[in-house]
Amino acid sequence: MVEDRGKEVVVDIQSVEDWLSHAQELVPVAVDRAREVKGFPGRWKMIISKLEQIPSCLSDLSSHPCFSKNSLCKEQLQAVSKTLKEAIELAVLCMGENYWGKLRTQSDLDALSGKLDLNLRDCGLLIKTRMLGEATMPLAVAGSSTEPEPGIHSNTRELLARLQIGHLEAKHRALDTLVEVMKEDEKTVLAVLGRSNVAALVQLLTATSPCIREKTVTAICSLAESGSCENWLVSEGVLPPLIRLVESGSTVGREKATISLQRLSMSAETARAIVGHGGARPLIEICRTGDSVSQAAAACTLKNISAVPEVLQDLAEEGIVKVMISLIDCGILLGSKEYAAECLQNLTASNDNLKRAVISEGGIRSLLVYLDGPLPQESAVGALRNLVSSVSMEMLVSYGFLPRLVHVLRSGSLGAQQAAASAICRVCTSADVKKLVGEAGCIPPLVKLLEAKSNSAREVSAQAISSLVSLSQNRRKVIRDDGSVPNLVQLLDPSPQNTAKKYAVASLTSLASCRKCKRLMISYGAIGYLKKLTEMDIPGAKKLLERLESGKLRSLFGKK
């Protein structure tokens, strides 16, 4: 009950129905008191307009099927009742002779208007969205589970709903709980997460409280890493606030925001959007000054972004080349160095200006030093492969390029070995270079690479050998390797999957001047392969077939 002069009689209100009745009783009293106030007519007129909207909201809320089943309704009615009581008290105060000063009263009226807006908005969300139904949905409807626990899904839905309604402090409490729940049972949260929940989290990234922003980005980082809602995050506008956190957030905030961008940047469209929102500069700055985890995440993000050709110029203008080379030299974690090498590989794939920039900043020397590790990585070799055609062989030799290639061919991953063979193909443009490559010891590991399971690795190895054997001293090195002829003959296989055929033919043609090699080719079945390749018009196949068949005939006549 509410007395005529606006003083509330103390009653014990327990049920949601009681709170509904209480709020409904307060509305006409609040409206009447507001109409009696003479001062600040504009502000009170706006407040009255909002008060008059409350009865219909309460009616719609009470008619919802889940009205009495969810604590959100009761809490919302409590919030509405509290605001209505404040409206009555403020109206009574404004009608008195000794009310507060003008500025304070204006501030109080604006605050009351804001609370009414919040109440109306929250009621609308509860009524118009699926929030109430989702928050009270029984486990059997919410989703399947091998071992269902009563109430888990409904409790999680209610927790997520609390991120969307109420004042900031209430959302903060819900956020605290959500972060803890996600640490213990992330799958349950993901199972019931909706787009509106994601939107609410994104909005909290712009909260004035640094603590709320930090906890929010922690939750968003978990969502991004889960890989289940990247599209929702991006479409709800998560990129700009994440980039601002990378620029000026707390240590934890920067780390979590950078890791979030790392995951989201795996999409080319999102990578372009990150650059479009000004994300390149703060990410590059993190690579310069960030802690180990943030630095690695920023380097990975820039690696992902650098795979998008349209943004390379933007990255170059922000100074990415120098920073990536510095990371290769001084990166805190090995992962940072690897991401930096991949980034340089992307930057130099087809852009001549960036190739020149990497060379002028000393990138070749840094990449070569990086290859001295026990397991040389493909990305560094790939970057070097992109650069070798743009510098003189004299410079490469002075930097120790060839011994590093041999090290990669012997100890690197298959991808690194393939990139090294490709680099050999690019530098072997003269007899002098081919001689240096042969003397460096590249031929034995190249012959071994002919046995790789990867078709592309076999192809590039055969291509490198076909180039090297045009020089007689290299030809002798290949002949001395017992595996060379058998491996090359196997690459005469006419199947479409074998793309090394023409290089195998070229290599064997050079080796056919040796009688021992010709006999080996014949004994390993080269003639049968070459007949099929001749029908397929593979270059050089017919000529090599004729040489082998003529040698076979002379051998038969010689025996007679």
Protein backbone atom coordinates (compact mmCIF):
# COMPACT_ATOMS: atom_id res chain seq x y z
CA MET A 1 0.00 0.00 0.00
CA VAL A 2 1.03 3.62 -0.66
CA GLU A 3 -0.28 6.55 1.37
CA ASP A 4 -1.78 9.69 -0.20
CA ARG A 5 1.26 11.85 0.54
CA GLY A 6 3.62 9.38 -1.11
CA LYS A 7 4.99 7.69 2.00
CA GLU A 8 5.23 3.95 1.57
CA VAL A 9 3.73 1.67 4.20
CA VAL A 10 6.21 -1.08 5.05
CA VAL A 11 4.88 -4.42 3.79
CA ASP A 12 6.45 -7.82 3.33
CA ILE A 13 6.55 -8.49 -0.41
CA GLN A 14 7.66 -11.99 -1.38
CA SER A 15 6.14 -13.23 -4.63
CA VAL A 16 6.50 -11.82 -8.14
CA GLU A 17 2.73 -11.25 -8.15
CA ASP A 18 3.05 -9.13 -5.00
CA TRP A 19 5.77 -7.03 -6.62
CA LEU A 20 3.60 -6.56 -9.70
CA SER A 21 0.72 -5.28 -7.55
CA HIS A 22 3.07 -3.03 -5.64
CA ALA A 23 4.46 -1.46 -8.84
CA GLN A 24 0.98 -1.04 -10.30
CA GLU A 25 -0.11 0.82 -7.14
CA LEU A 26 2.91 3.13 -7.28
CA VAL A 27 2.43 4.24 -10.91
CA PRO A 28 -0.68 6.45 -10.47
CA VAL A 29 0.74 8.01 -7.31
CA ALA A 30 4.00 8.85 -9.12
CA VAL A 31 2.11 10.33 -12.08
CA ASP A 32 -0.15 12.44 -9.85
CA ARG A 33 2.76 13.80 -7.82
CA ALA A 34 4.73 14.59 -10.98
CA ARG A 35 1.82 16.58 -12.41
CA GLU A 36 1.59 18.69 -9.25
CA VAL A 37 5.17 19.95 -9.57
CA LYS A 38 5.42 23.51 -10.96
CA GLY A 39 9.17 23.86 -11.50
CA PHE A 40 11.21 22.40 -14.38
CA PRO A 41 8.10 21.76 -16.53
CA GLY A 42 10.05 20.44 -19.52
CA ARG A 43 11.87 17.78 -17.54
CA TRP A 44 8.78 16.72 -15.59
CA LYS A 45 6.75 16.49 -18.79
CA MET A 46 9.29 14.02 -20.17
CA ILE A 47 9.27 12.05 -16.90
CA ILE A 48 5.46 11.89 -16.89
CA SER A 49 5.50 10.59 -20.47
CA LYS A 50 7.80 7.76 -19.40
CA LEU A 51 5.80 7.01 -16.25
CA GLU A 52 2.67 6.64 -18.37
CA GLN A 53 4.37 3.93 -20.45
CA ILE A 54 5.02 1.72 -17.43
CA PRO A 55 1.48 0.23 -16.99
CA SER A 56 1.47 -1.26 -20.49
CA CYS A 57 4.97 -2.65 -19.94
CA LEU A 58 3.89 -4.24 -16.66
CA SER A 59 0.80 -5.68 -18.33
CA ASP A 60 2.84 -7.19 -21.17
CA LEU A 61 5.41 -8.54 -18.74
CA SER A 62 2.80 -10.17 -16.49
CA SER A 63 1.14 -11.85 -19.47
CA HIS A 64 4.35 -13.62 -20.49
CA PRO A 65 4.09 -17.42 -19.99
CA CYS A 66 7.30 -17.43 -17.99
CA PHE A 67 6.37 -14.46 -15.79
CA SER A 68 6.21 -16.34 -12.50
CA LYS A 69 8.95 -18.84 -13.33
CA ASN A 70 11.97 -16.58 -13.58
CA SER A 71 13.71 -14.40 -11.03
CA LEU A 72 14.48 -11.86 -13.77
CA CYS A 73 10.83 -10.74 -13.71
CA LYS A 74 10.83 -10.27 -9.96
CA GLU A 75 14.08 -8.33 -10.05
CA GLN A 76 12.80 -6.15 -12.86
CA LEU A 77 9.63 -5.34 -10.90
CA GLN A 78 11.79 -4.52 -7.87
CA ALA A 79 13.86 -2.14 -10.01
CA VAL A 80 10.73 -0.49 -11.45
CA SER A 81 9.23 -0.11 -7.96
CA LYS A 82 12.43 1.48 -6.69
CA THR A 83 12.44 4.00 -9.55
CA LEU A 84 8.76 4.82 -9.00
CA LYS A 85 9.41 5.41 -5.31
CA GLU A 86 12.30 7.75 -6.20
CA ALA A 87 10.00 9.63 -8.60
CA ILE A 88 7.41 10.12 -5.84
CA GLU A 89 10.02 11.29 -3.34
CA LEU A 90 11.61 13.70 -5.83
CA ALA A 91 8.21 15.15 -6.79
CA VAL A 92 7.31 15.70 -3.11
CA LEU A 93 10.70 17.35 -2.56
CA CYS A 94 10.25 19.67 -5.57
CA MET A 95 6.84 20.76 -4.26
CA GLY A 96 8.35 21.81 -0.91
CA GLU A 97 9.72 25.22 -0.12
CA ASN A 98 13.27 24.16 0.72
CA TYR A 99 14.23 21.89 -2.13
CA TRP A 100 17.86 21.55 -3.27
CA GLY A 101 19.54 24.02 -5.58
CA LYS A 102 18.65 24.26 -9.25
CA LEU A 103 21.69 22.45 -10.64
CA ARG A 104 21.41 19.52 -8.25
CA THR A 105 17.67 19.21 -8.91
CA GLN A 106 18.28 19.22 -12.66
CA SER A 107 20.89 16.50 -12.19
CA ASP A 108 18.50 14.42 -10.06
CA LEU A 109 15.73 14.80 -12.64
CA ASP A 110 18.07 13.71 -15.45
CA ALA A 111 19.17 10.71 -13.39
CA LEU A 112 15.52 9.77 -12.75
CA SER A 113 14.77 10.07 -16.45
CA GLY A 114 17.72 7.78 -17.23
CA LYS A 115 16.51 5.18 -14.73
CA LEU A 116 13.05 5.21 -16.30
CA ASP A 117 14.63 4.74 -19.73
CA LEU A 118 16.59 1.77 -18.37
CA ASN A 119 13.47 0.24 -16.79
CA LEU A 120 11.46 0.60 -20.00
CA ARG A 121 14.31 -0.76 -22.12
CA ASP A 122 14.85 -3.76 -19.85
CA CYS A 123 11.11 -4.54 -19.74
CA GLY A 124 11.05 -4.34 -23.52
CA LEU A 125 14.00 -6.71 -23.78
CA LEU A 126 12.35 -9.23 -21.48
CA ILE A 127 9.08 -9.06 -23.42
CA LYS A 128 10.19 -8.75 -27.05
CA THR A 129 13.23 -11.01 -27.07
CA ARG A 130 13.43 -14.70 -26.21
CA MET A 131 15.33 -13.86 -23.04
CA LEU A 132 12.70 -14.99 -20.53
CA GLY A 133 11.85 -18.15 -22.43
CA GLU A 134 15.51 -19.08 -22.89
CA ALA A 135 16.38 -18.34 -19.28
CA THR A 136 13.62 -20.65 -18.01
CA MET A 137 13.91 -23.34 -20.68
CA PRO A 138 14.12 -26.82 -19.17
CA LEU A 139 17.21 -28.90 -19.79
CA ALA A 140 15.47 -31.31 -22.14
CA VAL A 141 14.70 -28.45 -24.53
CA ALA A 142 17.91 -26.50 -24.04
CA GLY A 143 20.13 -29.13 -25.56
CA SER A 144 21.43 -32.65 -25.24
CA SER A 145 24.03 -33.83 -22.80
CA THR A 146 25.42 -37.25 -22.06
CA GLU A 147 24.99 -36.63 -18.33
CA PRO A 148 22.44 -33.84 -17.87
CA GLU A 149 22.53 -31.95 -14.60
CA PRO A 150 19.20 -30.32 -13.67
CA GLY A 151 19.22 -26.56 -13.93
CA ILE A 152 22.69 -26.04 -15.42
CA HIS A 153 21.53 -24.78 -18.81
CA SER A 154 18.72 -22.64 -17.38
CA ASN A 155 21.07 -21.08 -14.84
CA THR A 156 23.56 -20.29 -17.57
CA ARG A 157 20.86 -18.72 -19.73
CA GLU A 158 19.74 -16.56 -16.84
CA LEU A 159 23.33 -15.50 -16.21
CA LEU A 160 23.76 -14.50 -19.86
CA ALA A 161 20.46 -12.63 -19.76
CA ARG A 162 21.70 -10.56 -16.81
CA LEU A 163 24.41 -9.12 -19.06
CA GLN A 164 21.66 -7.37 -21.05
CA ILE A 165 19.42 -5.88 -18.37
CA GLY A 166 19.82 -3.79 -15.27
CA HIS A 167 22.36 -1.18 -14.23
CA LEU A 168 26.10 -1.47 -14.76
CA GLU A 169 26.85 -2.80 -11.29
CA ALA A 170 24.42 -5.71 -11.79
CA LYS A 171 25.99 -6.47 -15.17
CA HIS A 172 29.41 -6.36 -13.51
CA ARG A 173 28.33 -9.01 -11.01
CA ALA A 174 26.95 -11.17 -13.82
CA LEU A 175 30.19 -10.72 -15.74
CA ASP A 176 32.25 -11.86 -12.74
CA THR A 177 30.18 -15.01 -12.50
CA LEU A 178 30.31 -15.64 -16.25
CA VAL A 179 34.12 -15.46 -16.32
CA GLU A 180 34.32 -18.00 -13.50
CA VAL A 181 31.76 -20.30 -15.15
CA MET A 182 33.65 -20.19 -18.45
CA LYS A 183 36.85 -21.24 -16.68
CA GLU A 184 35.13 -24.29 -15.25
CA ASP A 185 32.59 -25.23 -17.93
CA GLU A 186 33.02 -23.30 -21.16
CA LYS A 187 31.06 -25.87 -23.18
CA THR A 188 27.86 -25.23 -21.24
CA VAL A 189 28.11 -21.49 -21.90
CA LEU A 190 28.78 -22.02 -25.60
CA ALA A 191 25.85 -24.45 -25.84
CA VAL A 192 23.33 -21.79 -24.83
CA LEU A 193 25.02 -18.62 -26.07
CA GLY A 194 22.90 -16.46 -28.37
CA ARG A 195 23.69 -13.50 -30.59
CA SER A 196 22.03 -11.08 -28.17
CA ASN A 197 24.39 -12.29 -25.43
CA VAL A 198 27.38 -11.66 -27.67
CA ALA A 199 26.05 -8.18 -28.47
CA ALA A 200 25.71 -7.44 -24.74
CA LEU A 201 29.31 -8.49 -24.11
CA VAL A 202 30.58 -6.34 -26.97
CA GLN A 203 28.74 -3.33 -25.51
CA LEU A 204 30.44 -3.90 -22.15
CA LEU A 205 33.83 -3.53 -23.86
CA THR A 206 33.13 0.20 -23.96
CA ALA A 207 32.17 0.49 -20.28
CA THR A 208 33.81 3.36 -18.41
CA SER A 209 35.16 0.98 -15.76
CA PRO A 210 38.59 -0.48 -16.69
CA CYS A 211 37.81 -3.50 -14.49
CA ILE A 212 34.63 -4.29 -16.44
CA ARG A 213 36.45 -3.88 -19.77
CA GLU A 214 39.18 -6.25 -18.63
CA LYS A 215 36.75 -8.94 -17.49
CA THR A 216 34.67 -8.51 -20.63
CA VAL A 217 37.62 -8.94 -22.96
CA THR A 218 38.64 -12.03 -20.98
CA ALA A 219 35.23 -13.57 -21.73
CA ILE A 220 35.35 -12.44 -25.37
CA CYS A 221 38.84 -13.90 -25.76
CA SER A 222 37.51 -17.29 -24.61
CA LEU A 223 34.65 -17.02 -27.12
CA ALA A 224 37.01 -16.09 -29.95
CA GLU A 225 39.38 -18.94 -29.14
CA SER A 226 36.49 -21.41 -29.06
CA GLY A 227 35.93 -20.74 -32.76
CA SER A 228 32.16 -20.91 -32.36
CA CYS A 229 30.99 -17.33 -32.73
CA GLU A 230 33.55 -15.27 -34.68
CA ASN A 231 30.92 -14.03 -37.13
CA TRP A 232 28.65 -12.83 -34.34
CA LEU A 233 31.50 -11.03 -32.62
CA VAL A 234 32.57 -9.22 -35.77
CA SER A 235 29.05 -8.36 -36.93
CA GLU A 236 28.23 -6.96 -33.47
CA GLY A 237 31.16 -4.54 -33.76
CA VAL A 238 33.83 -6.12 -31.58
CA LEU A 239 36.82 -4.93 -33.64
CA PRO A 240 36.97 -1.19 -32.76
CA PRO A 241 36.82 -1.68 -28.97
CA LEU A 242 39.33 -4.55 -29.16
CA ILE A 243 41.73 -2.32 -31.09
CA ARG A 244 41.29 0.46 -28.52
CA LEU A 245 42.17 -2.03 -25.77
CA VAL A 246 45.30 -3.06 -27.68
CA GLU A 247 46.22 0.63 -27.80
CA SER A 248 45.51 1.66 -24.24
CA GLY A 249 44.13 -1.18 -22.14
CA SER A 250 45.63 -2.71 -19.01
CA THR A 251 48.31 -5.37 -19.37
CA VAL A 252 45.71 -8.14 -19.15
CA GLY A 253 43.30 -6.21 -21.38
CA ARG A 254 45.93 -5.72 -24.10
CA GLU A 255 46.92 -9.38 -23.97
CA LYS A 256 43.36 -10.71 -24.19
CA ALA A 257 42.39 -8.19 -26.90
CA THR A 258 45.44 -9.12 -28.99
CA ILE A 259 44.75 -12.85 -28.65
CA SER A 260 41.14 -12.19 -29.69
CA LEU A 261 42.30 -10.33 -32.81
CA GLN A 262 44.74 -13.15 -33.53
CA ARG A 263 41.89 -15.62 -33.75
CA LEU A 264 39.50 -13.31 -35.61
CA SER A 265 42.14 -12.30 -38.18
CA MET A 266 42.18 -15.83 -39.60
CA SER A 267 39.35 -14.65 -41.84
CA ALA A 268 40.62 -12.53 -44.75
CA GLU A 269 37.54 -10.30 -44.56
CA THR A 270 38.09 -9.65 -40.87
CA ALA A 271 41.81 -9.08 -41.44
CA ARG A 272 40.93 -6.31 -43.91
CA ALA A 273 38.47 -4.86 -41.40
CA ILE A 274 41.14 -4.79 -38.66
CA VAL A 275 43.36 -2.66 -40.88
CA GLY A 276 40.37 -0.54 -41.90
CA HIS A 277 39.68 0.23 -38.23
CA GLY A 278 43.28 1.32 -37.67
CA GLY A 279 44.48 -1.89 -36.04
CA ALA A 280 47.82 -2.24 -37.81
CA ARG A 281 49.67 0.48 -35.89
CA PRO A 282 48.83 -0.70 -32.32
CA LEU A 283 49.59 -4.31 -33.27
CA ILE A 284 52.97 -3.30 -34.65
CA GLU A 285 53.62 -1.30 -31.48
CA ILE A 286 52.85 -4.39 -29.36
CA CYS A 287 55.49 -6.26 -31.38
CA ARG A 288 57.97 -3.54 -30.40
CA THR A 289 57.17 -3.19 -26.72
CA GLY A 290 54.74 -5.89 -25.58
CA ASP A 291 55.33 -8.77 -23.19
CA SER A 292 56.08 -12.22 -24.57
CA VAL A 293 52.49 -13.47 -24.92
CA SER A 294 51.12 -10.23 -26.37
CA GLN A 295 54.08 -9.94 -28.72
CA ALA A 296 53.56 -13.44 -30.11
CA ALA A 297 49.80 -12.86 -30.51
CA ALA A 298 50.37 -9.52 -32.28
CA ALA A 299 52.97 -11.07 -34.60
CA CYS A 300 50.56 -13.89 -35.46
CA THR A 301 47.77 -11.40 -36.13
CA LEU A 302 50.01 -9.39 -38.46
CA LYS A 303 51.06 -12.61 -40.16
CA ASN A 304 47.41 -13.39 -40.84
CA ILE A 305 46.75 -9.85 -42.07
CA SER A 306 49.82 -9.88 -44.33
CA ALA A 307 48.28 -12.77 -46.29
CA VAL A 308 45.72 -10.27 -47.68
CA PRO A 309 47.36 -8.50 -50.68
CA GLU A 310 45.12 -5.41 -50.57
CA VAL A 311 46.45 -4.26 -47.19
CA LEU A 312 50.20 -4.73 -47.75
CA GLN A 313 50.78 -1.07 -48.52
CA ASP A 314 49.02 -0.04 -45.30
CA LEU A 315 51.24 -2.41 -43.33
CA ALA A 316 54.36 -1.10 -45.07
CA GLU A 317 53.46 2.50 -44.25
CA GLU A 318 53.15 1.58 -40.57
CA GLY A 319 56.72 0.20 -40.56
CA ILE A 320 56.00 -3.51 -40.43
CA VAL A 321 59.15 -4.61 -42.30
CA LYS A 322 61.63 -3.23 -39.78
CA VAL A 323 59.63 -4.52 -36.83
CA MET A 324 59.33 -8.06 -38.23
CA ILE A 325 63.07 -8.22 -38.91
CA SER A 326 63.71 -7.01 -35.36
CA LEU A 327 61.41 -9.77 -34.06
CA ILE A 328 63.38 -12.40 -35.96
CA ASP A 329 66.55 -11.06 -34.35
CA CYS A 330 65.26 -10.43 -30.83
CA GLY A 331 61.78 -11.94 -30.40
CA ILE A 332 61.11 -13.10 -26.84
CA LEU A 333 59.47 -16.40 -27.84
CA LEU A 334 60.37 -18.75 -30.67
CA GLY A 335 56.75 -18.43 -31.79
CA SER A 336 57.22 -14.69 -32.30
CA LYS A 337 60.21 -15.33 -34.55
CA GLU A 338 58.30 -17.91 -36.56
CA TYR A 339 55.30 -15.62 -37.04
CA ALA A 340 57.62 -12.78 -38.08
CA ALA A 341 59.28 -15.02 -40.66
CA GLU A 342 55.87 -16.05 -42.01
CA CYS A 343 54.88 -12.41 -42.18
CA LEU A 344 58.00 -11.57 -44.21
CA GLN A 345 57.25 -14.51 -46.48
CA ASN A 346 53.78 -13.09 -47.15
CA LEU A 347 55.08 -9.56 -47.61
CA THR A 348 57.66 -10.62 -50.19
CA ALA A 349 55.54 -13.12 -52.11
CA SER A 350 54.83 -10.78 -55.04
CA ASN A 351 55.50 -7.19 -53.99
CA ASP A 352 58.80 -5.90 -55.40
CA ASN A 353 58.78 -2.75 -53.27
CA LEU A 354 58.49 -4.81 -50.11
CA LYS A 355 61.23 -7.14 -51.32
CA ARG A 356 63.54 -4.16 -51.68
CA ALA A 357 62.50 -2.90 -48.26
CA VAL A 358 63.29 -6.23 -46.59
CA ILE A 359 66.67 -6.40 -48.32
CA SER A 360 67.61 -2.82 -47.42
CA GLU A 361 66.70 -3.40 -43.75
CA GLY A 362 69.03 -6.41 -43.55
CA GLY A 363 66.32 -9.02 -43.72
CA ILE A 364 68.32 -11.61 -45.65
CA ARG A 365 71.07 -11.75 -43.04
CA SER A 366 68.51 -12.03 -40.21
CA LEU A 367 66.63 -14.83 -41.95
CA LEU A 368 69.85 -16.75 -42.59
CA VAL A 369 70.92 -16.48 -38.95
CA TYR A 370 67.46 -17.68 -37.91
CA LEU A 371 67.98 -20.81 -40.03
CA ASP A 372 70.94 -21.90 -37.90
CA GLY A 373 68.61 -23.55 -35.40
CA PRO A 374 68.31 -27.35 -35.13
CA LEU A 375 65.02 -27.50 -37.06
CA PRO A 376 64.96 -24.80 -39.77
CA GLN A 377 61.44 -23.56 -40.46
CA GLU A 378 59.71 -23.38 -43.82
CA SER A 379 58.63 -19.76 -43.48
CA ALA A 380 62.16 -18.37 -43.23
CA VAL A 381 63.31 -20.42 -46.21
CA GLY A 382 60.21 -19.33 -48.12
CA ALA A 383 61.00 -15.68 -47.44
CA LEU A 384 64.56 -16.20 -48.66
CA ARG A 385 63.28 -17.97 -51.78
CA ASN A 386 61.21 -14.86 -52.53
CA LEU A 387 64.26 -12.61 -52.14
CA VAL A 388 67.16 -14.46 -53.79
CA SER A 389 66.34 -13.28 -57.31
CA SER A 390 66.59 -9.66 -56.18
CA VAL A 391 70.21 -9.76 -54.95
CA SER A 392 73.54 -10.82 -56.40
CA MET A 393 74.97 -14.27 -55.83
CA GLU A 394 78.11 -12.63 -54.45
CA MET A 395 76.07 -11.09 -51.63
CA LEU A 396 74.32 -14.39 -50.90
CA VAL A 397 77.63 -16.25 -50.78
CA SER A 398 79.13 -13.63 -48.45
CA TYR A 399 76.16 -14.11 -46.09
CA GLY A 400 76.64 -17.89 -45.99
CA PHE A 401 73.53 -18.65 -48.03
CA LEU A 402 74.62 -21.98 -49.54
CA PRO A 403 75.75 -23.74 -46.31
CA ARG A 404 72.40 -22.74 -44.77
CA LEU A 405 70.57 -24.29 -47.74
CA VAL A 406 72.46 -27.55 -47.23
CA HIS A 407 71.57 -27.44 -43.52
CA VAL A 408 67.89 -26.98 -44.41
CA LEU A 409 67.94 -29.77 -47.00
CA ARG A 410 69.41 -32.14 -44.43
CA SER A 411 67.67 -31.08 -41.22
CA GLY A 412 64.63 -28.99 -42.05
CA SER A 413 60.98 -29.98 -42.20
CA LEU A 414 59.70 -31.29 -45.52
CA GLY A 415 58.18 -27.90 -46.30
CA ALA A 416 61.49 -26.19 -45.52
CA GLN A 417 63.37 -28.67 -47.74
CA GLN A 418 60.92 -28.01 -50.56
CA ALA A 419 61.36 -24.22 -50.19
CA ALA A 420 65.16 -24.68 -50.21
CA ALA A 421 64.98 -26.71 -53.46
CA SER A 422 62.78 -23.98 -54.93
CA ALA A 423 65.36 -21.35 -53.93
CA ILE A 424 68.05 -23.37 -55.72
CA CYS A 425 65.92 -23.37 -58.87
CA ARG A 426 65.70 -19.57 -58.70
CA VAL A 427 69.43 -18.88 -58.18
CA CYS A 428 70.75 -21.36 -60.74
CA THR A 429 70.80 -18.92 -63.64
CA SER A 430 74.43 -19.41 -64.68
CA ALA A 431 77.09 -22.11 -64.84
CA ASP A 432 79.09 -20.38 -62.11
CA VAL A 433 76.17 -20.45 -59.69
CA LYS A 434 75.41 -24.08 -60.52
CA LYS A 435 79.03 -24.93 -59.80
CA LEU A 436 78.88 -23.20 -56.40
CA VAL A 437 75.64 -25.00 -55.51
CA GLY A 438 77.14 -28.37 -56.44
CA GLU A 439 80.33 -27.72 -54.50
CA ALA A 440 78.33 -26.66 -51.44
CA GLY A 441 76.93 -30.21 -51.12
CA CYS A 442 73.33 -29.63 -52.21
CA ILE A 443 73.09 -32.56 -54.62
CA PRO A 444 72.94 -35.59 -52.21
CA PRO A 445 70.04 -34.17 -50.13
CA LEU A 446 68.24 -33.14 -53.33
CA VAL A 447 68.49 -36.72 -54.60
CA LYS A 448 67.14 -37.93 -51.25
CA LEU A 449 64.25 -35.46 -51.55
CA LEU A 450 63.16 -37.29 -54.74
CA GLU A 451 61.83 -40.01 -52.39
CA ALA A 452 59.55 -37.62 -50.45
CA LYS A 453 55.89 -38.53 -50.06
CA SER A 454 54.85 -35.06 -51.16
CA ASN A 455 54.42 -34.77 -54.93
CA SER A 456 55.30 -31.06 -54.89
CA ALA A 457 58.53 -31.76 -52.99
CA ARG A 458 59.53 -34.43 -55.53
CA GLU A 459 58.71 -32.06 -58.37
CA VAL A 460 60.81 -29.14 -57.15
CA SER A 461 63.71 -31.46 -56.28
CA ALA A 462 63.65 -32.97 -59.79
CA GLN A 463 63.49 -29.44 -61.24
CA ALA A 464 66.58 -28.39 -59.25
CA ILE A 465 68.49 -31.51 -60.31
CA SER A 466 67.54 -31.05 -63.98
CA SER A 467 69.07 -27.58 -63.81
CA LEU A 468 72.21 -28.62 -61.94
CA VAL A 469 73.09 -31.62 -64.18
CA SER A 470 73.57 -29.37 -67.20
CA LEU A 471 77.04 -28.85 -65.68
CA SER A 472 79.35 -31.85 -66.14
CA GLN A 473 80.87 -31.85 -62.64
CA ASN A 474 77.40 -31.80 -61.09
CA ARG A 475 76.36 -34.59 -63.42
CA ARG A 476 79.20 -36.71 -62.06
CA LYS A 477 78.03 -36.05 -58.48
CA VAL A 478 74.49 -37.20 -59.38
CA ILE A 479 75.82 -40.33 -61.12
CA ARG A 480 77.87 -41.25 -58.04
CA ASP A 481 74.70 -41.23 -55.92
CA ASP A 482 73.23 -44.75 -56.13
CA GLY A 483 69.70 -43.48 -55.53
CA SER A 484 69.63 -40.90 -58.31
CA VAL A 485 68.67 -43.02 -61.35
CA PRO A 486 66.14 -45.29 -59.58
CA ASN A 487 64.42 -42.27 -57.98
CA LEU A 488 64.30 -40.33 -61.25
CA VAL A 489 62.94 -43.34 -63.17
CA GLN A 490 60.14 -43.64 -60.62
CA LEU A 491 59.23 -40.05 -61.44
CA LEU A 492 58.54 -41.06 -65.06
CA ASP A 493 55.24 -42.46 -63.81
CA PRO A 494 52.64 -41.19 -66.33
CA SER A 495 49.85 -40.72 -63.77
CA PRO A 496 48.30 -37.21 -63.69
CA GLN A 497 49.21 -36.85 -60.01
CA ASN A 498 52.91 -36.97 -60.86
CA THR A 499 53.88 -33.44 -61.88
CA ALA A 500 57.63 -34.14 -61.90
CA LYS A 501 57.62 -36.07 -65.19
CA LYS A 502 59.16 -33.45 -67.46
CA TYR A 503 61.96 -32.68 -64.96
CA ALA A 504 62.72 -36.38 -64.53
CA VAL A 505 62.95 -36.73 -68.32
CA ALA A 506 65.30 -33.74 -68.55
CA SER A 507 67.53 -35.05 -65.75
CA LEU A 508 67.72 -38.58 -67.17
CA THR A 509 68.48 -37.23 -70.63
CA SER A 510 71.57 -35.48 -69.22
CA LEU A 511 72.61 -38.67 -67.39
CA ALA A 512 72.07 -40.90 -70.47
CA SER A 513 75.54 -40.02 -71.77
CA CYS A 514 76.82 -42.45 -69.11
CA ARG A 515 76.50 -46.11 -70.18
CA LYS A 516 76.08 -47.29 -66.61
CA CYS A 517 73.18 -44.89 -66.12
CA LYS A 518 71.53 -46.00 -69.37
CA ARG A 519 71.68 -49.62 -68.28
CA LEU A 520 70.21 -48.69 -64.90
CA MET A 521 67.39 -46.73 -66.57
CA ILE A 522 66.51 -49.72 -68.74
CA SER A 523 66.69 -52.17 -65.83
CA TYR A 524 64.33 -50.01 -63.73
CA GLY A 525 61.72 -49.91 -66.49
CA ALA A 526 62.33 -46.49 -68.02
CA ILE A 527 61.45 -47.64 -71.56
CA GLY A 528 57.93 -48.66 -70.63
CA TYR A 529 57.32 -45.33 -68.86
CA LEU A 530 58.83 -43.34 -71.75
CA LYS A 531 56.58 -44.98 -74.33
CA LYS A 532 53.56 -43.74 -72.42
CA LEU A 533 55.10 -40.29 -71.91
CA THR A 534 55.85 -40.10 -75.64
CA GLU A 535 52.17 -40.68 -76.36
CA MET A 536 51.42 -37.87 -73.92
CA ASP A 537 53.84 -35.53 -75.76
CA ILE A 538 55.97 -34.90 -72.66
CA PRO A 539 58.95 -32.78 -73.84
CA GLY A 540 62.14 -34.85 -74.33
CA ALA A 541 60.45 -38.21 -73.72
CA LYS A 542 60.67 -39.39 -77.35
CA LYS A 543 64.32 -38.44 -77.71
CA LEU A 544 65.31 -40.22 -74.46
CA LEU A 545 63.29 -43.29 -75.48
CA GLU A 546 65.13 -43.47 -78.81
CA ARG A 547 68.51 -43.24 -77.05
CA LEU A 548 67.66 -46.00 -74.62
CA GLU A 549 66.17 -48.28 -77.31
CA SER A 550 69.15 -47.81 -79.63
CA GLY A 551 71.50 -48.62 -76.80
CA LYS A 552 69.45 -51.71 -75.98
CA LEU A 553 69.63 -52.92 -79.60
CA ARG A 554 73.39 -52.40 -79.79
CA SER A 555 73.73 -54.35 -76.58
CA LEU A 556 71.72 -57.27 -78.04
CA PHE A 557 73.74 -57.33 -81.30
CA GLY A 558 76.96 -57.16 -79.33
CA LYS A 559 75.99 -60.30 -77.43
CA LYS A 560 75.47 -62.23 -80.67
